[in-house]
Amino acid sequence: MNQYPKYFPIAGARPQRLAVVCALWHADLVEQARDALLDELTRLGVADADIDRYQVPGAFEIPLLAQQLARSGRYAAIVACALVVDGGIYRHEFVANAVIDGLMRAQLDSGVPVLSAVLTPQAFHEHETHARFFAEHLVTKGREAARACVATLGVHRALVEQAAA
């Protein structure tokens, strides 16, 4: 069932492309969110050719790229995927807060929805049990981000249609 035209803004009102920005830090886990996001977007009717993919070294680099992509005028929405974990050297909450604040700022400054699948687990250890748990959790979050993206664009479309009526 192709829901893409139903959810995306009317022609001429907004760009029809999406951008997905992923951090390479813990790429094996972040890719789980990205792949689930892309699969769910496809299931919802978004053409793969309408999704541009970007990678940055870590989560901290995502907000600037999201802001640049939003300001480019090419994208209807941007989705960020990353995993911010406690590395034992610094408080990872500071990084996580900076990333989420930056994504919100990019969204509010540009008017382009910027959605987050940037996760900050309370406890993360690099062993098989946690890796498996977070891989599964990131799949869930990727799907949820895709649905949130499409639903958000549906709300934006409804606003555009109401203003045009």
C-alpha atoms as a PDB file:
ATOM      1  CA  MET A   1       0.000   0.000   0.000  1.00  0.00           C
ATOM      2  CA  ASN A   2       1.589   3.263  -1.100  1.00  0.00           C
ATOM      3  CA  GLN A   3       0.998   5.836   1.620  1.00  0.00           C
ATOM      4  CA  TYR A   4       3.782   8.151   0.456  1.00  0.00           C
ATOM      5  CA  PRO A   5       1.591  10.690  -1.393  1.00  0.00           C
ATOM      6  CA  LYS A   6      -0.911  10.708   1.480  1.00  0.00           C
ATOM      7  CA  TYR A   7       1.682  11.667   4.063  1.00  0.00           C
ATOM      8  CA  PHE A   8       4.041  13.917   2.194  1.00  0.00           C
ATOM      9  CA  PRO A   9       3.287  17.586   1.654  1.00  0.00           C
ATOM     10  CA  ILE A  10       1.474  18.678  -1.473  1.00  0.00           C
ATOM     11  CA  ALA A  11       3.555  19.276  -4.583  1.00  0.00           C
ATOM     12  CA  GLY A  12       5.336  22.606  -4.567  1.00  0.00           C
ATOM     13  CA  ALA A  13       4.824  23.173  -0.851  1.00  0.00           C
ATOM     14  CA  ARG A  14       7.930  21.351   0.392  1.00  0.00           C
ATOM     15  CA  PRO A  15      10.694  19.158  -0.908  1.00  0.00           C
ATOM     16  CA  GLN A  16       9.867  15.479  -1.215  1.00  0.00           C
ATOM     17  CA  ARG A  17      13.220  14.033  -0.106  1.00  0.00           C
ATOM     18  CA  LEU A  18      14.345  12.705   3.252  1.00  0.00           C
ATOM     19  CA  ALA A  19      17.841  12.704   4.752  1.00  0.00           C
ATOM     20  CA  VAL A  20      19.124  10.099   7.175  1.00  0.00           C
ATOM     21  CA  VAL A  21      22.267  10.998   9.142  1.00  0.00           C
ATOM     22  CA  CYS A  22      24.057   8.249  11.068  1.00  0.00           C
ATOM     23  CA  ALA A  23      27.035   8.270  13.382  1.00  0.00           C
ATOM     24  CA  LEU A  24      29.812   5.795  12.677  1.00  0.00           C
ATOM     25  CA  TRP A  25      30.600   5.358  16.381  1.00  0.00           C
ATOM     26  CA  HIS A  26      29.178   1.927  17.292  1.00  0.00           C
ATOM     27  CA  ALA A  27      28.219   1.570  13.632  1.00  0.00           C
ATOM     28  CA  ASP A  28      27.345  -2.101  14.029  1.00  0.00           C
ATOM     29  CA  LEU A  29      24.531  -1.100  16.400  1.00  0.00           C
ATOM     30  CA  VAL A  30      23.544   2.198  14.766  1.00  0.00           C
ATOM     31  CA  GLU A  31      23.117   0.375  11.447  1.00  0.00           C
ATOM     32  CA  GLN A  32      20.340  -1.638  13.093  1.00  0.00           C
ATOM     33  CA  ALA A  33      18.350   1.566  13.640  1.00  0.00           C
ATOM     34  CA  ARG A  34      19.171   2.868  10.167  1.00  0.00           C
ATOM     35  CA  ASP A  35      18.187  -0.346   8.399  1.00  0.00           C
ATOM     36  CA  ALA A  36      14.935  -0.640  10.375  1.00  0.00           C
ATOM     37  CA  LEU A  37      14.190   3.028   9.640  1.00  0.00           C
ATOM     38  CA  LEU A  38      14.754   2.552   5.916  1.00  0.00           C
ATOM     39  CA  ASP A  39      12.731  -0.678   5.809  1.00  0.00           C
ATOM     40  CA  GLU A  40       9.816   0.947   7.625  1.00  0.00           C
ATOM     41  CA  LEU A  41       9.907   4.035   5.397  1.00  0.00           C
ATOM     42  CA  THR A  42       9.762   1.732   2.375  1.00  0.00           C
ATOM     43  CA  ARG A  43       6.859  -0.164   3.926  1.00  0.00           C
ATOM     44  CA  LEU A  44       5.079   3.160   4.393  1.00  0.00           C
ATOM     45  CA  GLY A  45       5.541   3.933   0.711  1.00  0.00           C
ATOM     46  CA  VAL A  46       8.606   6.169   0.664  1.00  0.00           C
ATOM     47  CA  ALA A  47      10.721   5.408  -2.392  1.00  0.00           C
ATOM     48  CA  ASP A  48      14.298   4.444  -1.573  1.00  0.00           C
ATOM     49  CA  ALA A  49      15.455   6.846  -4.298  1.00  0.00           C
ATOM     50  CA  ASP A  50      13.935   9.710  -2.260  1.00  0.00           C
ATOM     51  CA  ILE A  51      16.152   9.062   0.765  1.00  0.00           C
ATOM     52  CA  ASP A  52      19.687  10.450   0.973  1.00  0.00           C
ATOM     53  CA  ARG A  53      22.075   8.856   3.451  1.00  0.00           C
ATOM     54  CA  TYR A  54      24.896  10.609   5.284  1.00  0.00           C
ATOM     55  CA  GLN A  55      27.486   9.428   7.799  1.00  0.00           C
ATOM     56  CA  VAL A  56      29.463  11.388  10.345  1.00  0.00           C
ATOM     57  CA  PRO A  57      32.164  10.185  12.776  1.00  0.00           C
ATOM     58  CA  GLY A  58      30.043  10.446  15.925  1.00  0.00           C
ATOM     59  CA  ALA A  59      26.805  11.766  17.360  1.00  0.00           C
ATOM     60  CA  PHE A  60      28.369  15.129  18.208  1.00  0.00           C
ATOM     61  CA  GLU A  61      28.798  15.870  14.492  1.00  0.00           C
ATOM     62  CA  ILE A  62      25.158  15.188  13.590  1.00  0.00           C
ATOM     63  CA  PRO A  63      23.496  18.517  14.550  1.00  0.00           C
ATOM     64  CA  LEU A  64      25.675  20.675  12.298  1.00  0.00           C
ATOM     65  CA  LEU A  65      25.084  18.437   9.291  1.00  0.00           C
ATOM     66  CA  ALA A  66      21.358  18.267  10.114  1.00  0.00           C
ATOM     67  CA  GLN A  67      21.276  22.059  10.229  1.00  0.00           C
ATOM     68  CA  GLN A  68      23.096  22.363   6.892  1.00  0.00           C
ATOM     69  CA  LEU A  69      20.780  19.812   5.282  1.00  0.00           C
ATOM     70  CA  ALA A  70      17.691  21.559   6.658  1.00  0.00           C
ATOM     71  CA  ARG A  71      18.892  24.943   5.414  1.00  0.00           C
ATOM     72  CA  SER A  72      19.623  23.514   1.955  1.00  0.00           C
ATOM     73  CA  GLY A  73      15.912  23.445   1.164  1.00  0.00           C
ATOM     74  CA  ARG A  74      16.224  19.952  -0.356  1.00  0.00           C
ATOM     75  CA  TYR A  75      14.606  17.940   2.430  1.00  0.00           C
ATOM     76  CA  ALA A  76      11.117  17.527   3.846  1.00  0.00           C
ATOM     77  CA  ALA A  77      12.603  15.935   6.970  1.00  0.00           C
ATOM     78  CA  ILE A  78      15.852  14.671   8.472  1.00  0.00           C
ATOM     79  CA  VAL A  79      16.298  11.670  10.760  1.00  0.00           C
ATOM     80  CA  ALA A  80      19.377  11.184  12.947  1.00  0.00           C
ATOM     81  CA  CYS A  81      20.621   7.818  14.248  1.00  0.00           C
ATOM     82  CA  ALA A  82      23.351   7.361  16.846  1.00  0.00           C
ATOM     83  CA  LEU A  83      24.289   5.685  20.090  1.00  0.00           C
ATOM     84  CA  VAL A  84      25.898   7.814  22.813  1.00  0.00           C
ATOM     85  CA  VAL A  85      27.433   5.638  25.510  1.00  0.00           C
ATOM     86  CA  ASP A  86      29.378   6.187  28.688  1.00  0.00           C
ATOM     87  CA  GLY A  87      32.990   5.716  27.692  1.00  0.00           C
ATOM     88  CA  GLY A  88      34.226   6.077  31.242  1.00  0.00           C
ATOM     89  CA  ILE A  89      36.283   9.170  30.442  1.00  0.00           C
ATOM     90  CA  TYR A  90      33.613  11.874  30.401  1.00  0.00           C
ATOM     91  CA  ARG A  91      29.954  12.166  31.245  1.00  0.00           C
ATOM     92  CA  HIS A  92      28.120  11.002  28.141  1.00  0.00           C
ATOM     93  CA  GLU A  93      25.017  12.928  29.207  1.00  0.00           C
ATOM     94  CA  PHE A  94      26.762  16.138  28.153  1.00  0.00           C
ATOM     95  CA  VAL A  95      27.253  14.808  24.637  1.00  0.00           C
ATOM     96  CA  ALA A  96      23.721  13.439  24.470  1.00  0.00           C
ATOM     97  CA  ASN A  97      22.242  16.740  25.654  1.00  0.00           C
ATOM     98  CA  ALA A  98      24.328  18.719  23.168  1.00  0.00           C
ATOM     99  CA  VAL A  99      23.221  16.461  20.314  1.00  0.00           C
ATOM    100  CA  ILE A 100      19.514  16.566  21.157  1.00  0.00           C
ATOM    101  CA  ASP A 101      19.614  20.324  21.807  1.00  0.00           C
ATOM    102  CA  GLY A 102      21.407  20.798  18.468  1.00  0.00           C
ATOM    103  CA  LEU A 103      18.845  18.707  16.603  1.00  0.00           C
ATOM    104  CA  MET A 104      15.993  20.663  18.172  1.00  0.00           C
ATOM    105  CA  ARG A 105      17.700  23.954  17.310  1.00  0.00           C
ATOM    106  CA  ALA A 106      18.201  22.853  13.687  1.00  0.00           C
ATOM    107  CA  GLN A 107      14.517  21.929  13.506  1.00  0.00           C
ATOM    108  CA  LEU A 108      13.207  25.104  15.083  1.00  0.00           C
ATOM    109  CA  ASP A 109      15.552  27.423  13.171  1.00  0.00           C
ATOM    110  CA  SER A 110      14.787  25.859   9.794  1.00  0.00           C
ATOM    111  CA  GLY A 111      11.176  24.726  10.088  1.00  0.00           C
ATOM    112  CA  VAL A 112      12.228  21.323   8.735  1.00  0.00           C
ATOM    113  CA  PRO A 113      11.364  18.366  11.001  1.00  0.00           C
ATOM    114  CA  VAL A 114      14.489  16.769  12.482  1.00  0.00           C
ATOM    115  CA  LEU A 115      13.729  13.471  14.169  1.00  0.00           C
ATOM    116  CA  SER A 116      15.947  11.575  16.542  1.00  0.00           C
ATOM    117  CA  ALA A 117      16.855   7.945  16.912  1.00  0.00           C
ATOM    118  CA  VAL A 118      19.847   9.036  18.979  1.00  0.00           C
ATOM    119  CA  LEU A 119      19.877   6.795  22.015  1.00  0.00           C
ATOM    120  CA  THR A 120      21.695   7.213  25.297  1.00  0.00           C
ATOM    121  CA  PRO A 121      21.520   4.036  27.349  1.00  0.00           C
ATOM    122  CA  GLN A 122      21.772   4.405  31.092  1.00  0.00           C
ATOM    123  CA  ALA A 123      24.192   1.508  31.199  1.00  0.00           C
ATOM    124  CA  PHE A 124      26.059   0.022  28.274  1.00  0.00           C
ATOM    125  CA  HIS A 125      28.853  -2.500  28.342  1.00  0.00           C
ATOM    126  CA  GLU A 126      30.504  -3.941  25.293  1.00  0.00           C
ATOM    127  CA  HIS A 127      29.598  -7.558  25.804  1.00  0.00           C
ATOM    128  CA  GLU A 128      27.336  -9.880  23.833  1.00  0.00           C
ATOM    129  CA  THR A 129      24.257  -9.533  26.053  1.00  0.00           C
ATOM    130  CA  HIS A 130      24.166  -5.732  25.869  1.00  0.00           C
ATOM    131  CA  ALA A 131      25.075  -5.688  22.190  1.00  0.00           C
ATOM    132  CA  ARG A 132      22.188  -8.037  21.392  1.00  0.00           C
ATOM    133  CA  PHE A 133      19.741  -6.117  23.601  1.00  0.00           C
ATOM    134  CA  PHE A 134      20.636  -2.725  22.139  1.00  0.00           C
ATOM    135  CA  ALA A 135      20.662  -4.056  18.568  1.00  0.00           C
ATOM    136  CA  GLU A 136      17.071  -5.205  19.048  1.00  0.00           C
ATOM    137  CA  HIS A 137      16.127  -1.967  20.797  1.00  0.00           C
ATOM    138  CA  LEU A 138      17.637   0.105  17.992  1.00  0.00           C
ATOM    139  CA  VAL A 139      15.533  -1.814  15.452  1.00  0.00           C
ATOM    140  CA  THR A 140      12.434  -0.792  17.401  1.00  0.00           C
ATOM    141  CA  LYS A 141      13.598   2.823  17.602  1.00  0.00           C
ATOM    142  CA  GLY A 142      14.376   2.913  13.874  1.00  0.00           C
ATOM    143  CA  ARG A 143      10.852   1.761  13.042  1.00  0.00           C
ATOM    144  CA  GLU A 144       9.360   4.246  15.484  1.00  0.00           C
ATOM    145  CA  ALA A 145      11.405   7.082  13.971  1.00  0.00           C
ATOM    146  CA  ALA A 146      10.153   6.188  10.480  1.00  0.00           C
ATOM    147  CA  ARG A 147       6.529   6.215  11.622  1.00  0.00           C
ATOM    148  CA  ALA A 148       7.062   9.486  13.498  1.00  0.00           C
ATOM    149  CA  CYS A 149       8.657  11.029  10.418  1.00  0.00           C
ATOM    150  CA  VAL A 150       5.786  10.078   8.124  1.00  0.00           C
ATOM    151  CA  ALA A 151       3.166  11.134  10.692  1.00  0.00           C
ATOM    152  CA  THR A 152       4.910  14.485  11.257  1.00  0.00           C
ATOM    153  CA  LEU A 153       4.990  15.146   7.529  1.00  0.00           C
ATOM    154  CA  GLY A 154       1.293  14.271   7.414  1.00  0.00           C
ATOM    155  CA  VAL A 155       0.580  16.967   9.990  1.00  0.00           C
ATOM    156  CA  HIS A 156       2.651  19.459   7.989  1.00  0.00           C
ATOM    157  CA  ARG A 157       0.758  18.522   4.835  1.00  0.00           C
ATOM    158  CA  ALA A 158      -2.590  19.056   6.577  1.00  0.00           C
ATOM    159  CA  LEU A 159      -1.467  22.509   7.701  1.00  0.00           C
ATOM    160  CA  VAL A 160      -0.411  23.428   4.157  1.00  0.00           C
ATOM    161  CA  GLU A 161      -3.728  22.177   2.770  1.00  0.00           C
ATOM    162  CA  GLN A 162      -5.711  24.102   5.410  1.00  0.00           C
ATOM    163  CA  ALA A 163      -3.806  27.293   4.598  1.00  0.00           C
ATOM    164  CA  ALA A 164      -4.473  26.794   0.877  1.00  0.00           C
ATOM    165  CA  ALA A 165      -8.205  26.250   1.383  1.00  0.00           C
END
